[in-house]
Amino acid sequence: LQVLEYINEHLNQDIKLVDLAQLLNISQFHFSHLFKRSLGTAPYQYLIQQRIERAKQLLKQTNLSIMDIALE
């Protein structure tokens, strides 16, 4: 849950696997394995999915241009 909150709060930043693993004080390999086992997707795939969902929401709920949303 802590990792998912971190991802959602930092979607507009460069999130690295090492940063996520450090949140839980475990290795990157162990983190990736546990994440995929828990959510059924790799951390990077999850991050991309979340960014796409955020962009969809912004397109529907704001007047921001596509370019501004892409930069976001």
C-alpha atoms as a PDB file:
ATOM      1  CA  LEU A   1       0.000   0.000   0.000  1.00  0.00           C
ATOM      2  CA  GLN A   2       2.834   2.388   0.855  1.00  0.00           C
ATOM      3  CA  VAL A   3       4.438   1.771  -2.536  1.00  0.00           C
ATOM      4  CA  LEU A   4       1.169   2.267  -4.430  1.00  0.00           C
ATOM      5  CA  GLU A   5       0.554   5.552  -2.621  1.00  0.00           C
ATOM      6  CA  TYR A   6       4.094   6.673  -3.440  1.00  0.00           C
ATOM      7  CA  ILE A   7       3.589   5.839  -7.118  1.00  0.00           C
ATOM      8  CA  ASN A   8       0.284   7.706  -7.296  1.00  0.00           C
ATOM      9  CA  GLU A   9       1.724  10.771  -5.552  1.00  0.00           C
ATOM     10  CA  HIS A  10       4.795  10.882  -7.811  1.00  0.00           C
ATOM     11  CA  LEU A  11       3.405   9.914 -11.224  1.00  0.00           C
ATOM     12  CA  ASN A  12       4.768  13.101 -12.771  1.00  0.00           C
ATOM     13  CA  GLN A  13       8.302  12.330 -11.575  1.00  0.00           C
ATOM     14  CA  ASP A  14      10.975   9.856 -12.610  1.00  0.00           C
ATOM     15  CA  ILE A  15      10.270   6.851 -10.393  1.00  0.00           C
ATOM     16  CA  LYS A  16      13.006   4.254 -10.291  1.00  0.00           C
ATOM     17  CA  LEU A  17      12.778   0.660  -9.148  1.00  0.00           C
ATOM     18  CA  VAL A  18      15.526   1.311  -6.625  1.00  0.00           C
ATOM     19  CA  ASP A  19      13.411   4.085  -5.034  1.00  0.00           C
ATOM     20  CA  LEU A  20      10.432   1.773  -4.622  1.00  0.00           C
ATOM     21  CA  ALA A  21      12.548  -1.041  -3.207  1.00  0.00           C
ATOM     22  CA  GLN A  22      14.163   1.356  -0.733  1.00  0.00           C
ATOM     23  CA  LEU A  23      10.745   2.294   0.624  1.00  0.00           C
ATOM     24  CA  LEU A  24      10.494  -1.267   1.905  1.00  0.00           C
ATOM     25  CA  ASN A  25      14.211  -1.754   2.602  1.00  0.00           C
ATOM     26  CA  ILE A  26      14.488  -4.745   0.283  1.00  0.00           C
ATOM     27  CA  SER A  27      16.468  -5.504  -2.865  1.00  0.00           C
ATOM     28  CA  GLN A  28      15.202  -4.465  -6.282  1.00  0.00           C
ATOM     29  CA  PHE A  29      14.983  -8.101  -7.348  1.00  0.00           C
ATOM     30  CA  HIS A  30      12.960  -9.129  -4.291  1.00  0.00           C
ATOM     31  CA  PHE A  31      10.730  -6.080  -4.624  1.00  0.00           C
ATOM     32  CA  SER A  32      10.004  -6.788  -8.299  1.00  0.00           C
ATOM     33  CA  HIS A  33       9.179 -10.400  -7.541  1.00  0.00           C
ATOM     34  CA  LEU A  34       6.837  -9.523  -4.663  1.00  0.00           C
ATOM     35  CA  PHE A  35       5.165  -6.713  -6.609  1.00  0.00           C
ATOM     36  CA  LYS A  36       4.450  -8.910  -9.612  1.00  0.00           C
ATOM     37  CA  ARG A  37       3.210 -11.739  -7.402  1.00  0.00           C
ATOM     38  CA  SER A  38       0.918  -9.364  -5.498  1.00  0.00           C
ATOM     39  CA  LEU A  39      -0.503  -7.314  -8.381  1.00  0.00           C
ATOM     40  CA  GLY A  40       0.025  -9.597 -11.358  1.00  0.00           C
ATOM     41  CA  THR A  41       2.073  -7.017 -13.236  1.00  0.00           C
ATOM     42  CA  ALA A  42       5.639  -5.737 -13.147  1.00  0.00           C
ATOM     43  CA  PRO A  43       6.263  -2.434 -11.335  1.00  0.00           C
ATOM     44  CA  TYR A  44       7.122  -0.591 -14.569  1.00  0.00           C
ATOM     45  CA  GLN A  45       3.976  -1.858 -16.299  1.00  0.00           C
ATOM     46  CA  TYR A  46       1.891  -0.765 -13.318  1.00  0.00           C
ATOM     47  CA  LEU A  47       3.499   2.678 -13.404  1.00  0.00           C
ATOM     48  CA  ILE A  48       2.726   3.074 -17.111  1.00  0.00           C
ATOM     49  CA  GLN A  49      -0.877   1.953 -16.555  1.00  0.00           C
ATOM     50  CA  GLN A  50      -1.302   4.490 -13.762  1.00  0.00           C
ATOM     51  CA  ARG A  51       0.116   7.299 -15.893  1.00  0.00           C
ATOM     52  CA  ILE A  52      -2.274   6.418 -18.715  1.00  0.00           C
ATOM     53  CA  GLU A  53      -5.221   6.419 -16.307  1.00  0.00           C
ATOM     54  CA  ARG A  54      -4.144   9.816 -14.928  1.00  0.00           C
ATOM     55  CA  ALA A  55      -3.930  11.208 -18.471  1.00  0.00           C
ATOM     56  CA  LYS A  56      -7.419   9.882 -19.269  1.00  0.00           C
ATOM     57  CA  GLN A  57      -8.817  11.569 -16.165  1.00  0.00           C
ATOM     58  CA  LEU A  58      -7.156  14.862 -17.024  1.00  0.00           C
ATOM     59  CA  LEU A  59      -8.496  14.709 -20.582  1.00  0.00           C
ATOM     60  CA  LYS A  60     -12.034  14.156 -19.302  1.00  0.00           C
ATOM     61  CA  GLN A  61     -12.023  16.483 -16.304  1.00  0.00           C
ATOM     62  CA  THR A  62      -9.885  19.453 -17.327  1.00  0.00           C
ATOM     63  CA  ASN A  63      -9.410  21.852 -20.193  1.00  0.00           C
ATOM     64  CA  LEU A  64      -5.695  21.129 -20.392  1.00  0.00           C
ATOM     65  CA  SER A  65      -4.285  20.530 -23.843  1.00  0.00           C
ATOM     66  CA  ILE A  66      -2.977  17.131 -24.789  1.00  0.00           C
ATOM     67  CA  MET A  67       0.530  18.600 -24.809  1.00  0.00           C
ATOM     68  CA  ASP A  68       0.149  19.914 -21.250  1.00  0.00           C
ATOM     69  CA  ILE A  69      -1.185  16.559 -20.084  1.00  0.00           C
ATOM     70  CA  ALA A  70       1.702  14.751 -21.753  1.00  0.00           C
ATOM     71  CA  LEU A  71       4.166  17.024 -19.968  1.00  0.00           C
ATOM     72  CA  GLU A  72       2.331  16.449 -16.695  1.00  0.00           C
END
